[in-house]
N, C-alpha and C. Protein backbone atom coordinates (compact mmCIF):
# COMPACT_ATOMS: atom_id res chain seq x y z
N MET A 1 6.22 2.66 -24.70
CA MET A 1 4.90 2.10 -24.53
C MET A 1 3.88 3.21 -24.77
N ARG A 2 2.90 2.91 -25.54
CA ARG A 2 1.88 3.89 -25.84
C ARG A 2 0.96 4.11 -24.63
N GLN A 3 0.29 5.24 -24.63
CA GLN A 3 -0.58 5.60 -23.52
C GLN A 3 -1.69 4.56 -23.34
N GLU A 4 -2.29 4.11 -24.44
CA GLU A 4 -3.38 3.13 -24.34
C GLU A 4 -2.88 1.80 -23.78
N GLU A 5 -1.67 1.38 -24.18
CA GLU A 5 -1.10 0.13 -23.65
C GLU A 5 -0.85 0.26 -22.15
N SER A 6 -0.33 1.41 -21.73
CA SER A 6 -0.09 1.65 -20.31
C SER A 6 -1.39 1.60 -19.53
N PHE A 7 -2.43 2.23 -20.06
CA PHE A 7 -3.72 2.24 -19.39
C PHE A 7 -4.27 0.82 -19.26
N GLU A 8 -4.17 0.03 -20.32
CA GLU A 8 -4.68 -1.35 -20.29
C GLU A 8 -3.90 -2.19 -19.28
N MET A 9 -2.58 -1.99 -19.19
CA MET A 9 -1.77 -2.73 -18.23
C MET A 9 -2.18 -2.38 -16.80
N LEU A 10 -2.36 -1.09 -16.52
CA LEU A 10 -2.79 -0.67 -15.18
C LEU A 10 -4.18 -1.21 -14.86
N LYS A 11 -5.08 -1.13 -15.82
CA LYS A 11 -6.45 -1.62 -15.61
C LYS A 11 -6.43 -3.11 -15.27
N LYS A 12 -5.61 -3.89 -15.97
CA LYS A 12 -5.52 -5.32 -15.70
C LYS A 12 -5.00 -5.58 -14.30
N GLN A 13 -3.95 -4.83 -13.89
CA GLN A 13 -3.39 -5.03 -12.56
C GLN A 13 -4.38 -4.67 -11.45
N PHE A 14 -5.14 -3.61 -11.66
CA PHE A 14 -6.12 -3.19 -10.64
C PHE A 14 -7.29 -4.15 -10.54
N THR A 15 -7.64 -4.81 -11.62
CA THR A 15 -8.82 -5.68 -11.61
C THR A 15 -8.51 -7.14 -11.39
N THR A 16 -7.24 -7.55 -11.44
CA THR A 16 -6.93 -8.97 -11.28
C THR A 16 -6.21 -9.29 -9.98
N GLU A 17 -5.56 -8.34 -9.36
CA GLU A 17 -4.83 -8.59 -8.12
C GLU A 17 -5.52 -7.88 -6.96
N SER A 18 -5.59 -8.58 -5.82
CA SER A 18 -6.18 -7.93 -4.65
C SER A 18 -5.23 -6.85 -4.15
N VAL A 19 -5.78 -5.78 -3.65
CA VAL A 19 -4.97 -4.64 -3.21
C VAL A 19 -4.42 -4.88 -1.81
N LEU A 20 -5.25 -5.36 -0.89
CA LEU A 20 -4.83 -5.60 0.48
C LEU A 20 -4.89 -7.09 0.80
N LYS A 21 -3.90 -7.58 1.53
CA LYS A 21 -3.91 -8.97 1.98
C LYS A 21 -4.64 -9.05 3.32
N VAL A 22 -5.14 -10.23 3.62
CA VAL A 22 -5.76 -10.46 4.92
C VAL A 22 -4.63 -10.64 5.94
N PRO A 23 -4.66 -9.92 7.06
CA PRO A 23 -3.56 -10.03 8.02
C PRO A 23 -3.50 -11.41 8.67
N ASP A 24 -2.29 -11.91 8.84
CA ASP A 24 -2.03 -13.17 9.55
C ASP A 24 -1.08 -12.81 10.68
N LEU A 25 -1.58 -12.81 11.91
CA LEU A 25 -0.79 -12.37 13.06
C LEU A 25 0.37 -13.30 13.39
N ASP A 26 0.42 -14.47 12.76
CA ASP A 26 1.54 -15.40 12.98
C ASP A 26 2.71 -15.11 12.04
N LYS A 27 2.55 -14.18 11.11
CA LYS A 27 3.62 -13.85 10.17
C LYS A 27 4.25 -12.51 10.53
N LYS A 28 5.44 -12.27 9.99
CA LYS A 28 6.13 -11.00 10.24
C LYS A 28 5.32 -9.85 9.65
N MET A 29 5.31 -8.74 10.38
CA MET A 29 4.64 -7.54 9.91
C MET A 29 5.58 -6.36 10.10
N ARG A 30 5.39 -5.33 9.27
CA ARG A 30 6.19 -4.11 9.42
C ARG A 30 5.32 -2.90 9.09
N MET A 31 5.70 -1.76 9.68
CA MET A 31 4.98 -0.52 9.43
C MET A 31 5.96 0.48 8.82
N GLU A 32 5.53 1.09 7.72
CA GLU A 32 6.31 2.13 7.06
C GLU A 32 5.55 3.43 7.22
N VAL A 33 6.25 4.49 7.64
CA VAL A 33 5.62 5.77 7.92
C VAL A 33 6.35 6.87 7.15
N ASP A 34 5.58 7.79 6.60
CA ASP A 34 6.14 8.93 5.88
C ASP A 34 5.37 10.17 6.31
N THR A 35 6.09 11.21 6.68
CA THR A 35 5.43 12.45 7.11
C THR A 35 6.06 13.64 6.41
N SER A 36 5.30 14.70 6.34
CA SER A 36 5.80 15.97 5.83
C SER A 36 5.21 17.07 6.71
N ASP A 37 5.32 18.31 6.29
CA ASP A 37 4.80 19.42 7.08
C ASP A 37 3.27 19.42 7.15
N PHE A 38 2.60 18.74 6.23
CA PHE A 38 1.14 18.84 6.18
C PHE A 38 0.42 17.52 5.98
N THR A 39 1.13 16.39 5.82
CA THR A 39 0.47 15.10 5.67
C THR A 39 1.26 14.01 6.40
N THR A 40 0.58 12.90 6.64
CA THR A 40 1.22 11.71 7.18
C THR A 40 0.60 10.50 6.49
N GLY A 41 1.41 9.48 6.30
CA GLY A 41 0.91 8.26 5.66
C GLY A 41 1.60 7.05 6.27
N GLU A 42 0.84 5.98 6.43
CA GLU A 42 1.37 4.75 7.01
C GLU A 42 0.89 3.57 6.20
N ILE A 43 1.76 2.53 6.09
CA ILE A 43 1.38 1.28 5.45
C ILE A 43 1.80 0.15 6.37
N LEU A 44 0.86 -0.75 6.68
CA LEU A 44 1.15 -1.96 7.45
C LEU A 44 1.23 -3.10 6.45
N SER A 45 2.37 -3.80 6.43
CA SER A 45 2.58 -4.88 5.46
C SER A 45 2.89 -6.18 6.19
N THR A 46 2.66 -7.30 5.48
CA THR A 46 2.98 -8.62 6.00
C THR A 46 3.85 -9.34 4.99
N GLU A 47 4.75 -10.18 5.49
CA GLU A 47 5.62 -10.95 4.61
C GLU A 47 4.88 -12.20 4.16
N CYS A 48 4.75 -12.38 2.86
CA CYS A 48 4.02 -13.52 2.29
C CYS A 48 4.95 -14.70 2.07
N GLU A 49 4.36 -15.84 1.70
CA GLU A 49 5.11 -17.08 1.51
C GLU A 49 6.24 -16.93 0.50
N ASP A 50 6.06 -16.08 -0.50
CA ASP A 50 7.07 -15.90 -1.55
C ASP A 50 8.14 -14.88 -1.15
N GLY A 51 8.10 -14.40 0.11
CA GLY A 51 9.10 -13.46 0.59
C GLY A 51 8.82 -12.00 0.25
N VAL A 52 7.72 -11.74 -0.45
CA VAL A 52 7.36 -10.38 -0.84
C VAL A 52 6.49 -9.75 0.25
N TRP A 53 6.77 -8.48 0.57
CA TRP A 53 5.96 -7.76 1.55
C TRP A 53 4.75 -7.17 0.83
N ARG A 54 3.54 -7.47 1.34
CA ARG A 54 2.32 -6.97 0.72
C ARG A 54 1.50 -6.19 1.76
N PRO A 55 0.82 -5.12 1.32
CA PRO A 55 0.08 -4.27 2.26
C PRO A 55 -1.14 -4.97 2.86
N VAL A 56 -1.34 -4.70 4.15
CA VAL A 56 -2.50 -5.20 4.90
C VAL A 56 -3.46 -4.04 5.18
N ALA A 57 -2.91 -2.87 5.48
CA ALA A 57 -3.72 -1.69 5.79
C ALA A 57 -2.91 -0.43 5.49
N TYR A 58 -3.61 0.67 5.30
CA TYR A 58 -2.93 1.94 5.06
C TYR A 58 -3.75 3.08 5.63
N LEU A 59 -3.09 4.19 5.88
CA LEU A 59 -3.75 5.38 6.38
C LEU A 59 -3.04 6.59 5.80
N SER A 60 -3.79 7.54 5.34
CA SER A 60 -3.26 8.79 4.84
C SER A 60 -4.08 9.91 5.44
N LYS A 61 -3.42 10.92 6.00
CA LYS A 61 -4.15 11.97 6.70
C LYS A 61 -3.48 13.31 6.47
N SER A 62 -4.30 14.31 6.20
CA SER A 62 -3.82 15.70 6.13
C SER A 62 -3.80 16.28 7.53
N LEU A 63 -2.79 17.05 7.83
CA LEU A 63 -2.65 17.64 9.16
C LEU A 63 -3.13 19.09 9.14
N ASN A 64 -3.72 19.52 10.26
CA ASN A 64 -4.10 20.93 10.37
C ASN A 64 -2.91 21.73 10.94
N LYS A 65 -3.04 23.03 11.10
CA LYS A 65 -1.92 23.87 11.55
C LYS A 65 -1.43 23.46 12.94
N THR A 66 -2.32 23.06 13.83
CA THR A 66 -1.94 22.67 15.19
C THR A 66 -1.15 21.37 15.19
N GLU A 67 -1.57 20.40 14.39
CA GLU A 67 -0.90 19.11 14.35
C GLU A 67 0.47 19.25 13.72
């Protein structure tokens, strides 16, 4: 795939699909966490009608020396 085709595909996905779903507290939710020596990241996802897990919220944070 050429670079321009890849860029157009990404541009279409970013502009046509919503990034975050609206949370529904009646549906299953899960939290995924990833940490390293200097960063932490979390994603809260909900299970949609089609069985696919989609993000509801996310957090990414750099840690200082104390943390």
